[in-house]
Amino acid sequence: MAAKISLPIMEEKRPMRNRARRRHRPLMIIALVGIVLYALYNIHAVSSYAVLFVPESSSYSPSTDVDQSTSIARDLVPLEAHIMSKCPDAKDCLKEMVLPAMMRVSDKVNFTLSYIGTPTENDGVDCKHGPGECMGNIIQLCANHLYPDPKIYLGFTMCLMRDYKLIPQRELVEDCALEHAIDFEKLNECAAKDNGALGLAMLRESVQRTADVRSIACY
């Protein structure tokens, strides 16, 4: 596995002549401006932060489940975090920004967690904090792959990053898996599947996503 990683979003009315009405116009304009600013603030708050907990519908119809899911996905605001599993700044970002935002507007966003790295010519990935970080990224991606609910995989990721210096030690991974009801054996199988090819492919795809977002942002 280590070697494979190369460790490795009316019509206008004439002015009224009544002076009393004229005196009320400034107040009306101020009120309208306030409403517009409030609406813009709410839109900014949603787009700046964060889908974690989509409320369950009171009635469920299997025949319309796919259509409803597609409609919900279109209506959600995209939120992405791009991190490195052994980076202390990433730990603080998740703890102080992403998680609090999720708790507030989790039903209004489509959350994606991506990773930072450099693809290599031999189909590997170089990670800034070394081969252990590549392995940590893959473990977290496997958690996302197996348990796509952000309540689970984001919690698991935060658990690991509380002790980011120990990533990817087995004991830490086992403890966090147990804490968040994740099957450690399935996690291990995902990371090692096809001699690590699956995990590496997910990491390269994630790293490429980050690179694409960077190029759009810089453009």
N, C-alpha and C. Protein backbone atom coordinates (compact mmCIF):
# COMPACT_ATOMS: atom_id res chain seq x y z
N MET A 1 0.81 -1.20 0.00
CA MET A 1 0.00 0.00 0.00
C MET A 1 0.85 1.26 0.00
N ALA A 2 1.87 1.28 0.87
CA ALA A 2 2.70 2.47 1.00
C ALA A 2 3.39 2.79 -0.30
N ALA A 3 3.90 1.73 -0.97
CA ALA A 3 4.62 1.96 -2.20
C ALA A 3 3.71 2.49 -3.28
N LYS A 4 2.46 2.01 -3.32
CA LYS A 4 1.52 2.43 -4.34
C LYS A 4 1.20 3.91 -4.21
N ILE A 5 1.24 4.45 -3.00
CA ILE A 5 0.90 5.85 -2.78
C ILE A 5 2.08 6.75 -3.06
N SER A 6 3.21 6.15 -3.47
CA SER A 6 4.47 6.79 -3.61
C SER A 6 4.76 7.54 -2.34
N LEU A 7 4.60 6.70 -1.33
CA LEU A 7 4.71 7.19 0.01
C LEU A 7 5.53 8.42 0.08
N PRO A 8 5.08 7.32 -0.03
CA PRO A 8 4.21 6.55 0.33
C PRO A 8 4.74 5.72 0.90
N ILE A 9 -19.08 24.93 -5.23
CA ILE A 9 -20.73 27.06 -5.10
C ILE A 9 -21.88 28.92 -4.81
N MET A 10 -44.86 47.25 -12.33
CA MET A 10 -45.88 48.13 -11.66
C MET A 10 -45.93 49.49 -12.29
N GLU A 11 -46.31 49.35 -12.20
CA GLU A 11 -46.46 50.65 -12.88
C GLU A 11 -46.04 51.74 -11.93
N GLU A 12 -45.33 52.74 -12.46
CA GLU A 12 -44.85 53.83 -11.62
C GLU A 12 -45.97 54.79 -11.31
N LYS A 13 -46.12 55.18 -10.07
CA LYS A 13 -47.18 56.11 -9.65
C LYS A 13 -46.61 57.52 -9.50
N ARG A 14 -47.46 58.50 -9.77
CA ARG A 14 -47.02 59.87 -9.62
C ARG A 14 -46.87 60.21 -8.14
N PRO A 15 -45.97 61.15 -7.84
CA PRO A 15 -45.79 61.55 -6.43
C PRO A 15 -47.07 62.10 -5.88
N MET A 16 -47.38 61.72 -4.67
CA MET A 16 -48.58 62.21 -4.01
C MET A 16 -48.33 63.61 -3.46
N ARG A 17 -49.35 64.43 -3.53
CA ARG A 17 -49.20 65.81 -3.14
C ARG A 17 -49.30 66.01 -1.63
N ASN A 18 -49.82 65.01 -0.99
CA ASN A 18 -50.03 65.14 0.45
C ASN A 18 -48.68 65.14 1.15
N ARG A 19 -48.34 66.18 1.85
CA ARG A 19 -47.06 66.31 2.51
C ARG A 19 -46.86 65.28 3.62
N ALA A 20 -47.95 64.91 4.26
CA ALA A 20 -47.84 63.91 5.34
C ALA A 20 -47.37 62.59 4.79
N ARG A 21 -47.85 62.21 3.62
CA ARG A 21 -47.42 60.97 3.01
C ARG A 21 -45.97 61.06 2.58
N ARG A 22 -45.55 62.26 2.10
CA ARG A 22 -44.16 62.42 1.71
C ARG A 22 -43.22 62.18 2.88
N ARG A 23 -43.65 62.62 4.05
CA ARG A 23 -42.79 62.45 5.22
C ARG A 23 -42.59 60.99 5.57
N HIS A 24 -43.51 60.12 5.19
CA HIS A 24 -43.41 58.69 5.49
C HIS A 24 -42.51 57.94 4.52
N ARG A 25 -42.23 58.55 3.35
CA ARG A 25 -41.46 57.83 2.35
C ARG A 25 -40.06 57.45 2.81
N PRO A 26 -39.32 58.36 3.46
CA PRO A 26 -37.98 57.93 3.93
C PRO A 26 -38.04 56.72 4.83
N LEU A 27 -39.08 56.65 5.68
CA LEU A 27 -39.19 55.50 6.57
C LEU A 27 -39.44 54.21 5.78
N MET A 28 -40.27 54.31 4.74
CA MET A 28 -40.54 53.13 3.92
C MET A 28 -39.28 52.68 3.20
N ILE A 29 -38.49 53.64 2.68
CA ILE A 29 -37.26 53.29 1.97
C ILE A 29 -36.28 52.62 2.89
N ILE A 30 -36.15 53.15 4.11
CA ILE A 30 -35.25 52.55 5.09
C ILE A 30 -35.67 51.13 5.41
N ALA A 31 -36.97 50.91 5.55
CA ALA A 31 -37.47 49.57 5.86
C ALA A 31 -37.17 48.60 4.73
N LEU A 32 -37.36 49.05 3.48
CA LEU A 32 -37.09 48.18 2.34
C LEU A 32 -35.61 47.84 2.25
N VAL A 33 -34.75 48.83 2.48
CA VAL A 33 -33.31 48.58 2.46
C VAL A 33 -32.94 47.57 3.53
N GLY A 34 -33.55 47.70 4.70
CA GLY A 34 -33.27 46.75 5.78
C GLY A 34 -33.66 45.34 5.42
N ILE A 35 -34.81 45.18 4.75
CA ILE A 35 -35.27 43.85 4.35
C ILE A 35 -34.31 43.24 3.34
N VAL A 36 -33.87 44.05 2.37
CA VAL A 36 -32.94 43.54 1.35
C VAL A 36 -31.63 43.12 1.97
N LEU A 37 -31.10 43.94 2.88
CA LEU A 37 -29.83 43.59 3.54
C LEU A 37 -29.96 42.33 4.36
N TYR A 38 -31.11 42.17 5.03
CA TYR A 38 -31.31 40.96 5.83
C TYR A 38 -31.34 39.71 4.96
N ALA A 39 -32.02 39.83 3.79
CA ALA A 39 -32.08 38.67 2.88
C ALA A 39 -30.71 38.33 2.34
N LEU A 40 -29.93 39.38 1.96
CA LEU A 40 -28.59 39.13 1.46
C LEU A 40 -27.71 38.50 2.51
N TYR A 41 -27.87 38.93 3.77
CA TYR A 41 -27.06 38.36 4.86
C TYR A 41 -27.36 36.89 5.04
N ASN A 42 -28.66 36.52 4.98
CA ASN A 42 -29.02 35.11 5.16
C ASN A 42 -28.46 34.25 4.04
N ILE A 43 -28.52 34.76 2.79
CA ILE A 43 -27.98 34.00 1.67
C ILE A 43 -26.49 33.82 1.83
N HIS A 44 -25.80 34.88 2.26
CA HIS A 44 -24.35 34.79 2.45
C HIS A 44 -23.99 33.80 3.54
N ALA A 45 -24.79 33.81 4.63
CA ALA A 45 -24.49 32.90 5.73
C ALA A 45 -24.60 31.45 5.31
N VAL A 46 -25.61 31.15 4.50
CA VAL A 46 -25.79 29.77 4.06
C VAL A 46 -24.67 29.37 3.11
N SER A 47 -24.33 30.28 2.16
CA SER A 47 -23.32 29.91 1.18
C SER A 47 -21.93 29.87 1.78
N SER A 48 -21.68 30.59 2.87
CA SER A 48 -20.36 30.63 3.47
C SER A 48 -20.09 29.43 4.37
N TYR A 49 -21.10 28.86 4.91
CA TYR A 49 -20.89 27.76 5.82
C TYR A 49 -21.35 26.43 5.26
N ALA A 50 -22.14 25.91 5.85
CA ALA A 50 -22.63 24.68 5.35
C ALA A 50 -24.04 24.94 5.01
N VAL A 51 -24.36 19.14 4.01
CA VAL A 51 -25.63 18.66 4.48
C VAL A 51 -25.28 17.62 5.48
N LEU A 52 -25.63 18.02 6.58
CA LEU A 52 -25.37 16.97 7.53
C LEU A 52 -26.65 16.25 7.85
N PHE A 53 -27.62 16.93 8.41
CA PHE A 53 -28.81 16.28 8.94
C PHE A 53 -30.03 16.75 8.18
N VAL A 54 -30.37 16.03 7.12
CA VAL A 54 -31.56 16.38 6.35
C VAL A 54 -32.77 15.83 7.06
N PRO A 55 -33.72 16.70 7.47
CA PRO A 55 -34.88 16.22 8.22
C PRO A 55 -35.66 15.18 7.43
N GLU A 56 -36.12 14.16 8.14
CA GLU A 56 -36.90 13.12 7.50
C GLU A 56 -38.29 13.62 7.19
N SER A 57 -38.78 13.22 6.02
CA SER A 57 -40.13 13.60 5.64
C SER A 57 -41.15 12.86 6.49
N SER A 58 -42.28 13.51 6.76
CA SER A 58 -43.30 12.89 7.59
C SER A 58 -43.94 11.70 6.89
N SER A 59 -43.89 11.70 5.55
CA SER A 59 -44.42 10.56 4.80
C SER A 59 -43.36 10.10 3.82
N TYR A 60 -43.29 8.81 3.61
CA TYR A 60 -42.25 8.24 2.75
C TYR A 60 -42.87 7.42 1.64
N SER A 61 -42.44 7.69 0.43
CA SER A 61 -42.94 6.95 -0.72
C SER A 61 -41.75 6.42 -1.51
N PRO A 62 -41.52 5.10 -1.52
CA PRO A 62 -40.37 4.53 -2.23
C PRO A 62 -40.32 4.92 -3.69
N SER A 63 -41.47 5.05 -4.33
CA SER A 63 -41.50 5.32 -5.76
C SER A 63 -40.98 6.71 -6.10
N THR A 64 -41.01 7.63 -5.13
CA THR A 64 -40.56 9.00 -5.40
C THR A 64 -39.27 9.33 -4.68
N ASP A 65 -38.65 8.35 -4.06
CA ASP A 65 -37.45 8.60 -3.25
C ASP A 65 -36.31 9.16 -4.09
N VAL A 66 -36.06 8.58 -5.27
CA VAL A 66 -34.96 9.02 -6.12
C VAL A 66 -35.20 10.44 -6.60
N ASP A 67 -36.43 10.74 -7.04
CA ASP A 67 -36.74 12.08 -7.51
C ASP A 67 -36.58 13.11 -6.41
N GLN A 68 -37.02 12.76 -5.19
CA GLN A 68 -36.90 13.68 -4.07
C GLN A 68 -35.44 13.92 -3.72
N SER A 69 -34.62 12.88 -3.76
CA SER A 69 -33.20 13.03 -3.45
C SER A 69 -32.52 13.93 -4.47
N THR A 70 -32.87 13.75 -5.73
CA THR A 70 -32.28 14.58 -6.78
C THR A 70 -32.68 16.03 -6.61
N SER A 71 -33.96 16.25 -6.27
CA SER A 71 -34.45 17.61 -6.07
C SER A 71 -33.76 18.27 -4.89
N ILE A 72 -33.58 17.51 -3.81
CA ILE A 72 -32.92 18.05 -2.63
C ILE A 72 -31.48 18.43 -2.95
N ALA A 73 -30.78 17.55 -3.68
CA ALA A 73 -29.38 17.80 -4.02
C ALA A 73 -29.24 19.08 -4.83
N ARG A 74 -30.20 19.33 -5.75
CA ARG A 74 -30.14 20.53 -6.57
C ARG A 74 -30.35 21.79 -5.73
N ASP A 75 -31.14 21.68 -4.68
CA ASP A 75 -31.48 22.84 -3.88
C ASP A 75 -30.43 23.16 -2.82
N LEU A 76 -29.51 22.23 -2.53
CA LEU A 76 -28.53 22.45 -1.48
C LEU A 76 -27.37 23.32 -1.95
N VAL A 77 -26.84 24.07 -1.03
CA VAL A 77 -25.68 24.93 -1.31
C VAL A 77 -24.42 24.08 -1.15
N PRO A 78 -23.53 24.03 -2.15
CA PRO A 78 -22.31 23.22 -2.01
C PRO A 78 -21.36 23.82 -0.98
N LEU A 79 -20.84 22.96 -0.12
CA LEU A 79 -19.83 23.36 0.86
C LEU A 79 -18.70 22.35 0.82
N GLU A 80 -17.49 22.80 0.63
CA GLU A 80 -16.34 21.89 0.56
C GLU A 80 -15.27 22.32 1.54
N ALA A 81 -14.62 21.32 2.12
CA ALA A 81 -13.43 21.56 2.94
C ALA A 81 -12.30 20.75 2.33
N HIS A 82 -11.15 21.36 2.15
CA HIS A 82 -10.00 20.70 1.54
C HIS A 82 -8.89 20.65 2.59
N ILE A 83 -8.53 19.45 3.01
CA ILE A 83 -7.67 19.30 4.18
C ILE A 83 -6.53 18.32 3.92
N MET A 84 -5.67 18.20 4.93
CA MET A 84 -4.63 17.16 5.00
C MET A 84 -4.78 16.52 6.38
N SER A 85 -4.77 15.21 6.42
CA SER A 85 -5.13 14.50 7.66
C SER A 85 -4.15 14.73 8.82
N LYS A 86 -2.91 15.11 8.52
CA LYS A 86 -1.94 15.33 9.58
C LYS A 86 -1.56 16.80 9.73
N CYS A 87 -2.45 17.67 9.28
CA CYS A 87 -2.19 19.11 9.35
C CYS A 87 -2.90 19.72 10.56
N PRO A 88 -2.19 20.39 11.46
CA PRO A 88 -2.84 21.00 12.64
C PRO A 88 -3.82 22.10 12.26
N ASP A 89 -3.54 22.84 11.19
CA ASP A 89 -4.46 23.89 10.76
C ASP A 89 -5.78 23.29 10.26
N ALA A 90 -5.70 22.13 9.62
CA ALA A 90 -6.92 21.46 9.15
C ALA A 90 -7.76 21.02 10.34
N LYS A 91 -7.10 20.53 11.37
CA LYS A 91 -7.82 20.13 12.58
C LYS A 91 -8.58 21.32 13.17
N ASP A 92 -7.92 22.46 13.28
CA ASP A 92 -8.57 23.66 13.83
C ASP A 92 -9.69 24.14 12.93
N CYS A 93 -9.50 24.05 11.61
CA CYS A 93 -10.54 24.47 10.67
C CYS A 93 -11.81 23.65 10.84
N LEU A 94 -11.65 22.33 10.91
CA LEU A 94 -12.82 21.46 11.09
C LEU A 94 -13.50 21.72 12.42
N LYS A 95 -12.71 21.86 13.47
CA LYS A 95 -13.25 22.02 14.81
C LYS A 95 -13.94 23.36 15.01
N GLU A 96 -13.32 24.44 14.54
CA GLU A 96 -13.80 25.78 14.84
C GLU A 96 -14.69 26.39 13.77
N MET A 97 -14.66 25.84 12.55
CA MET A 97 -15.45 26.43 11.48
C MET A 97 -16.46 25.47 10.87
N VAL A 98 -15.98 24.31 10.40
CA VAL A 98 -16.87 23.40 9.67
C VAL A 98 -17.94 22.78 10.57
N LEU A 99 -17.51 22.19 11.69
CA LEU A 99 -18.48 21.54 12.57
C LEU A 99 -19.53 22.51 13.12
N PRO A 100 -19.15 23.67 13.64
CA PRO A 100 -20.17 24.61 14.11
C PRO A 100 -21.12 25.04 13.00
N ALA A 101 -20.58 25.23 11.79
CA ALA A 101 -21.43 25.62 10.67
C ALA A 101 -22.43 24.51 10.34
N MET A 102 -21.96 23.26 10.36
CA MET A 102 -22.84 22.13 10.09
C MET A 102 -23.99 22.05 11.08
N MET A 103 -23.69 22.34 12.32
CA MET A 103 -24.72 22.28 13.36
C MET A 103 -25.80 23.33 13.13
N ARG A 104 -25.44 24.41 12.46
CA ARG A 104 -26.39 25.50 12.26
C ARG A 104 -27.19 25.37 10.96
N VAL A 105 -26.53 25.00 9.87
CA VAL A 105 -27.21 25.00 8.57
C VAL A 105 -27.01 23.68 7.82
N SER A 106 -26.97 22.59 8.56
CA SER A 106 -26.67 21.29 7.97
C SER A 106 -27.69 20.83 6.92
N ASP A 107 -28.92 21.32 7.02
CA ASP A 107 -29.95 20.88 6.09
C ASP A 107 -30.00 21.75 4.83
N LYS A 108 -29.05 22.65 4.70
CA LYS A 108 -29.07 23.57 3.56
C LYS A 108 -27.85 23.43 2.65
N VAL A 109 -26.95 22.48 2.99
CA VAL A 109 -25.73 22.37 2.20
C VAL A 109 -25.46 20.93 1.76
N ASN A 110 -24.66 20.79 0.71
CA ASN A 110 -24.16 19.50 0.25
C ASN A 110 -22.67 19.48 0.55
N PHE A 111 -22.28 18.73 1.60
CA PHE A 111 -20.91 18.81 2.10
C PHE A 111 -19.99 17.80 1.42
N THR A 112 -18.79 18.26 1.04
CA THR A 112 -17.77 17.40 0.46
C THR A 112 -16.45 17.65 1.17
N LEU A 113 -15.79 16.56 1.59
CA LEU A 113 -14.48 16.66 2.23
C LEU A 113 -13.44 16.13 1.26
N SER A 114 -12.53 16.98 0.83
CA SER A 114 -11.49 16.60 -0.14
C SER A 114 -10.11 16.80 0.47
N TYR A 115 -9.12 16.25 -0.22
CA TYR A 115 -7.77 16.24 0.35
C TYR A 115 -6.77 16.93 -0.57
N ILE A 116 -5.72 17.42 0.05
CA ILE A 116 -4.68 18.17 -0.65
C ILE A 116 -3.44 17.29 -0.82
N GLY A 117 -2.91 17.26 -2.01
CA GLY A 117 -1.72 16.47 -2.30
C GLY A 117 -1.25 16.76 -3.71
N THR A 118 -0.22 16.02 -4.15
CA THR A 118 0.32 16.21 -5.48
C THR A 118 0.37 14.88 -6.23
N PRO A 119 -0.41 14.75 -7.32
CA PRO A 119 -0.34 13.51 -8.12
C PRO A 119 1.06 13.35 -8.72
N THR A 120 1.52 12.11 -8.79
CA THR A 120 2.84 11.84 -9.36
C THR A 120 2.70 11.12 -10.71
N GLU A 121 3.79 11.05 -11.46
CA GLU A 121 3.76 10.45 -12.79
C GLU A 121 3.53 8.95 -12.76
N ASN A 122 3.85 8.31 -11.65
CA ASN A 122 3.67 6.86 -11.56
C ASN A 122 2.33 6.48 -10.95
N ASP A 123 1.33 7.37 -11.12
CA ASP A 123 -0.03 7.15 -10.61
C ASP A 123 -0.08 7.10 -9.09
N GLY A 124 0.85 7.72 -8.44
CA GLY A 124 0.84 7.82 -6.98
C GLY A 124 0.42 9.20 -6.54
N VAL A 125 0.63 9.47 -5.24
CA VAL A 125 0.32 10.77 -4.67
C VAL A 125 1.39 11.11 -3.64
N ASP A 126 1.88 12.33 -3.70
CA ASP A 126 2.79 12.83 -2.67
C ASP A 126 1.98 13.68 -1.69
N CYS A 127 2.19 13.44 -0.40
CA CYS A 127 1.48 14.19 0.63
C CYS A 127 2.48 15.05 1.40
N LYS A 128 2.07 16.26 1.75
CA LYS A 128 2.97 17.23 2.35
C LYS A 128 3.62 16.73 3.64
N HIS A 129 2.83 16.01 4.46
CA HIS A 129 3.35 15.55 5.74
C HIS A 129 3.81 14.10 5.71
N GLY A 130 4.10 13.61 4.51
CA GLY A 130 4.69 12.30 4.38
C GLY A 130 3.71 11.18 4.07
N PRO A 131 4.26 9.96 3.93
CA PRO A 131 3.46 8.77 3.59
C PRO A 131 2.34 8.49 4.60
N GLY A 132 2.60 8.75 5.89
CA GLY A 132 1.57 8.51 6.89
C GLY A 132 0.33 9.36 6.65
N GLU A 133 0.52 10.55 6.14
CA GLU A 133 -0.62 11.41 5.83
C GLU A 133 -1.42 10.85 4.66
N CYS A 134 -0.72 10.33 3.64
CA CYS A 134 -1.43 9.70 2.53
C CYS A 134 -2.31 8.56 3.04
N MET A 135 -1.75 7.74 3.94
CA MET A 135 -2.52 6.64 4.49
C MET A 135 -3.70 7.14 5.31
N GLY A 136 -3.46 8.20 6.10
CA GLY A 136 -4.55 8.80 6.88
C GLY A 136 -5.65 9.34 5.99
N ASN A 137 -5.27 10.00 4.89
CA ASN A 137 -6.27 10.50 3.94
C ASN A 137 -7.12 9.36 3.38
N ILE A 138 -6.45 8.26 3.04
CA ILE A 138 -7.17 7.11 2.47
C ILE A 138 -8.13 6.50 3.50
N ILE A 139 -7.69 6.39 4.73
CA ILE A 139 -8.57 5.86 5.79
C ILE A 139 -9.82 6.71 5.92
N GLN A 140 -9.65 8.03 5.91
CA GLN A 140 -10.79 8.92 6.03
C GLN A 140 -11.69 8.86 4.79
N LEU A 141 -11.09 8.71 3.63
CA LEU A 141 -11.88 8.55 2.41
C LEU A 141 -12.66 7.25 2.41
N CYS A 142 -12.06 6.20 2.97
CA CYS A 142 -12.76 4.93 3.07
C CYS A 142 -13.96 5.05 4.01
N ALA A 143 -13.80 5.79 5.08
CA ALA A 143 -14.93 6.02 6.00
C ALA A 143 -16.06 6.73 5.28
N ASN A 144 -15.70 7.73 4.46
CA ASN A 144 -16.69 8.45 3.66
C ASN A 144 -17.35 7.52 2.65
N HIS A 145 -16.54 6.64 2.03
CA HIS A 145 -17.04 5.70 1.02
C HIS A 145 -18.02 4.69 1.64
N LEU A 146 -17.69 4.19 2.82
CA LEU A 146 -18.51 3.17 3.47
C LEU A 146 -19.70 3.75 4.23
N TYR A 147 -19.52 4.95 4.77
CA TYR A 147 -20.57 5.60 5.58
C TYR A 147 -20.75 7.03 5.07
N PRO A 148 -21.48 7.22 3.97
CA PRO A 148 -21.59 8.53 3.33
C PRO A 148 -22.32 9.59 4.14
N ASP A 149 -22.95 9.19 5.24
CA ASP A 149 -23.63 10.17 6.09
C ASP A 149 -22.57 11.02 6.80
N PRO A 150 -22.52 12.33 6.56
CA PRO A 150 -21.50 13.18 7.19
C PRO A 150 -21.51 13.12 8.72
N LYS A 151 -22.64 12.81 9.32
CA LYS A 151 -22.67 12.69 10.78
C LYS A 151 -21.68 11.65 11.24
N ILE A 152 -21.48 10.61 10.41
CA ILE A 152 -20.59 9.51 10.79
C ILE A 152 -19.16 9.80 10.36
N TYR A 153 -18.95 10.00 9.07
CA TYR A 153 -17.56 10.09 8.59
C TYR A 153 -16.87 11.38 9.02
N LEU A 154 -17.63 12.47 9.16
CA LEU A 154 -17.00 13.71 9.61
C LEU A 154 -16.64 13.62 11.09
N GLY A 155 -17.50 12.96 11.86
CA GLY A 155 -17.18 12.75 13.27
C GLY A 155 -15.96 11.87 13.43
N PHE A 156 -15.89 10.81 12.62
CA PHE A 156 -14.74 9.91 12.65
C PHE A 156 -13.46 10.66 12.26
N THR A 157 -13.55 11.48 11.23
CA THR A 157 -12.39 12.27 10.79
C THR A 157 -11.92 13.21 11.89
N MET A 158 -12.84 13.87 12.56
CA MET A 158 -12.46 14.77 13.65
C MET A 158 -11.83 14.02 14.80
N CYS A 159 -12.33 12.82 15.06
CA CYS A 159 -11.76 11.99 16.13
C CYS A 159 -10.30 11.68 15.83
N LEU A 160 -10.01 11.29 14.60
CA LEU A 160 -8.63 11.00 14.21
C LEU A 160 -7.75 12.24 14.33
N MET A 161 -8.27 13.36 13.90
CA MET A 161 -7.45 14.56 13.83
C MET A 161 -7.23 15.23 15.18
N ARG A 162 -7.98 14.81 16.18
CA ARG A 162 -7.67 15.29 17.53
C ARG A 162 -6.27 14.85 17.93
N ASP A 163 -5.87 13.68 17.41
CA ASP A 163 -4.52 13.16 17.65
C ASP A 163 -3.81 12.97 16.31
N TYR A 164 -3.79 14.02 15.51
CA TYR A 164 -3.29 13.91 14.13
C TYR A 164 -1.86 13.42 14.05
N LYS A 165 -1.07 13.67 15.09
CA LYS A 165 0.32 13.22 15.05
C LYS A 165 0.41 11.69 15.07
N LEU A 166 -0.64 11.02 15.57
CA LEU A 166 -0.62 9.55 15.66
C LEU A 166 -1.18 8.87 14.41
N ILE A 167 -1.78 9.63 13.51
CA ILE A 167 -2.31 9.05 12.27
C ILE A 167 -1.17 8.46 11.46
N PRO A 168 -1.25 7.23 10.92
CA PRO A 168 -2.41 6.33 10.88
C PRO A 168 -2.26 5.13 11.82
N GLN A 169 -1.82 5.32 13.04
CA GLN A 169 -1.60 4.19 13.94
C GLN A 169 -2.90 3.40 14.16
N ARG A 170 -2.77 2.09 14.16
CA ARG A 170 -3.92 1.19 14.23
C ARG A 170 -4.77 1.45 15.47
N GLU A 171 -4.14 1.64 16.61
CA GLU A 171 -4.90 1.82 17.85
C GLU A 171 -5.80 3.05 17.78
N LEU A 172 -5.29 4.14 17.24
CA LEU A 172 -6.09 5.36 17.09
C LEU A 172 -7.27 5.12 16.16
N VAL A 173 -7.01 4.47 15.02
CA VAL A 173 -8.08 4.22 14.05
C VAL A 173 -9.15 3.32 14.65
N GLU A 174 -8.73 2.28 15.36
CA GLU A 174 -9.69 1.37 16.00
C GLU A 174 -10.54 2.09 17.03
N ASP A 175 -9.92 2.93 17.86
CA ASP A 175 -10.67 3.66 18.90
C ASP A 175 -11.71 4.60 18.28
N CYS A 176 -11.31 5.34 17.24
CA CYS A 176 -12.24 6.28 16.60
C CYS A 176 -13.34 5.54 15.84
N ALA A 177 -13.00 4.40 15.25
CA ALA A 177 -14.01 3.58 14.56
C ALA A 177 -15.05 3.10 15.56
N LEU A 178 -14.60 2.64 16.71
CA LEU A 178 -15.52 2.17 17.74
C LEU A 178 -16.40 3.30 18.24
N GLU A 179 -15.81 4.46 18.45
CA GLU A 179 -16.55 5.63 18.96
C GLU A 179 -17.66 6.06 18.01
N HIS A 180 -17.46 5.86 16.70
CA HIS A 180 -18.44 6.34 15.73
C HIS A 180 -19.14 5.21 14.98
N ALA A 181 -19.16 4.04 15.60
CA ALA A 181 -19.90 2.89 15.06
C ALA A 181 -19.48 2.53 13.64
N ILE A 182 -18.18 2.56 13.39
CA ILE A 182 -17.64 2.18 12.10
C ILE A 182 -16.96 0.82 12.22
N ASP A 183 -17.21 -0.06 11.28
CA ASP A 183 -16.62 -1.39 11.28
C ASP A 183 -15.14 -1.28 10.87
N PHE A 184 -14.25 -1.52 11.81
CA PHE A 184 -12.82 -1.38 11.53
C PHE A 184 -12.36 -2.34 10.44
N GLU A 185 -12.87 -3.56 10.45
CA GLU A 185 -12.46 -4.54 9.46
C GLU A 185 -12.84 -4.10 8.05
N LYS A 186 -14.04 -3.54 7.89
CA LYS A 186 -14.46 -3.04 6.59
C LYS A 186 -13.59 -1.86 6.17
N LEU A 187 -13.23 -1.03 7.13
CA LEU A 187 -12.37 0.11 6.86
C LEU A 187 -11.00 -0.37 6.36
N ASN A 188 -10.48 -1.37 7.03
CA ASN A 188 -9.18 -1.92 6.68
C ASN A 188 -9.23 -2.59 5.30
N GLU A 189 -10.32 -3.31 5.03
CA GLU A 189 -10.48 -3.97 3.73
C GLU A 189 -10.54 -2.93 2.61
N CYS A 190 -11.21 -1.82 2.86
CA CYS A 190 -11.32 -0.76 1.85
C CYS A 190 -9.94 -0.19 1.54
N ALA A 191 -9.16 0.09 2.57
CA ALA A 191 -7.84 0.69 2.38
C ALA A 191 -6.88 -0.26 1.67
N ALA A 192 -7.06 -1.57 1.89
CA ALA A 192 -6.13 -2.55 1.33
C ALA A 192 -6.66 -3.24 0.07
N LYS A 193 -7.89 -2.94 -0.34
CA LYS A 193 -8.50 -3.65 -1.46
C LYS A 193 -7.68 -3.50 -2.74
N ASP A 194 -7.55 -4.62 -3.45
CA ASP A 194 -6.78 -4.65 -4.70
C ASP A 194 -5.36 -4.13 -4.50
N ASN A 195 -4.78 -4.59 -3.40
CA ASN A 195 -3.41 -4.17 -3.06
C ASN A 195 -3.29 -2.65 -2.90
N GLY A 196 -4.36 -2.04 -2.39
CA GLY A 196 -4.35 -0.60 -2.15
C GLY A 196 -4.79 0.24 -3.32
N ALA A 197 -5.15 -0.40 -4.44
CA ALA A 197 -5.52 0.35 -5.64
C ALA A 197 -6.79 1.19 -5.44
N LEU A 198 -7.77 0.65 -4.73
CA LEU A 198 -9.02 1.39 -4.51
C LEU A 198 -8.76 2.66 -3.70
N GLY A 199 -8.05 2.50 -2.59
CA GLY A 199 -7.77 3.66 -1.76
C GLY A 199 -6.96 4.72 -2.49
N LEU A 200 -5.96 4.27 -3.24
CA LEU A 200 -5.14 5.20 -3.98
C LEU A 200 -5.95 5.93 -5.05
N ALA A 201 -6.84 5.21 -5.71
CA ALA A 201 -7.69 5.82 -6.74
C ALA A 201 -8.59 6.89 -6.13
N MET A 202 -9.16 6.61 -4.96
CA MET A 202 -10.00 7.60 -4.29
C MET A 202 -9.18 8.82 -3.89
N LEU A 203 -7.96 8.59 -3.42
CA LEU A 203 -7.11 9.70 -3.01
C LEU A 203 -6.73 10.57 -4.22
N ARG A 204 -6.35 9.94 -5.32
CA ARG A 204 -5.99 10.71 -6.52
C ARG A 204 -7.19 11.52 -7.03
N GLU A 205 -8.37 10.93 -7.01
CA GLU A 205 -9.58 11.64 -7.44
C GLU A 205 -9.86 12.84 -6.52
N SER A 206 -9.69 12.64 -5.22
CA SER A 206 -9.92 13.70 -4.25
C SER A 206 -8.91 14.83 -4.43
N VAL A 207 -7.64 14.46 -4.59
CA VAL A 207 -6.59 15.45 -4.79
C VAL A 207 -6.82 16.24 -6.09
N GLN A 208 -7.26 15.56 -7.14
CA GLN A 208 -7.55 16.23 -8.39
C GLN A 208 -8.71 17.20 -8.24
N ARG A 209 -9.70 16.83 -7.44
CA ARG A 209 -10.85 17.72 -7.19
C ARG A 209 -10.36 19.01 -6.53
N THR A 210 -9.47 18.87 -5.56
CA THR A 210 -8.91 20.04 -4.90
C THR A 210 -8.16 20.92 -5.89
N ALA A 211 -7.37 20.29 -6.76
CA ALA A 211 -6.61 21.04 -7.76
C ALA A 211 -7.56 21.79 -8.72
N ASP A 212 -8.66 21.14 -9.10
CA ASP A 212 -9.63 21.78 -9.99
C ASP A 212 -10.27 22.97 -9.32
N VAL A 213 -10.62 22.84 -8.04
CA VAL A 213 -11.24 23.94 -7.30
C VAL A 213 -10.26 25.11 -7.19
N ARG A 214 -9.00 24.78 -6.94
CA ARG A 214 -7.97 25.82 -6.85
C ARG A 214 -7.86 26.60 -8.16
N SER A 215 -7.86 25.87 -9.28
CA SER A 215 -7.69 26.53 -10.58
C SER A 215 -8.88 27.44 -10.87
N ILE A 216 -10.07 27.03 -10.49
CA ILE A 216 -11.27 27.86 -10.69
C ILE A 216 -11.19 29.11 -9.81
N ALA A 217 -10.78 28.92 -8.55
CA ALA A 217 -10.69 30.03 -7.62
C ALA A 217 -9.63 31.04 -8.07
N CYS A 218 -8.52 30.54 -8.56
CA CYS A 218 -7.44 31.44 -9.00
C CYS A 218 -7.82 32.17 -10.28
N TYR A 219 -8.61 31.49 -11.13
CA TYR A 219 -9.02 32.09 -12.39
C TYR A 219 -9.96 33.27 -12.14
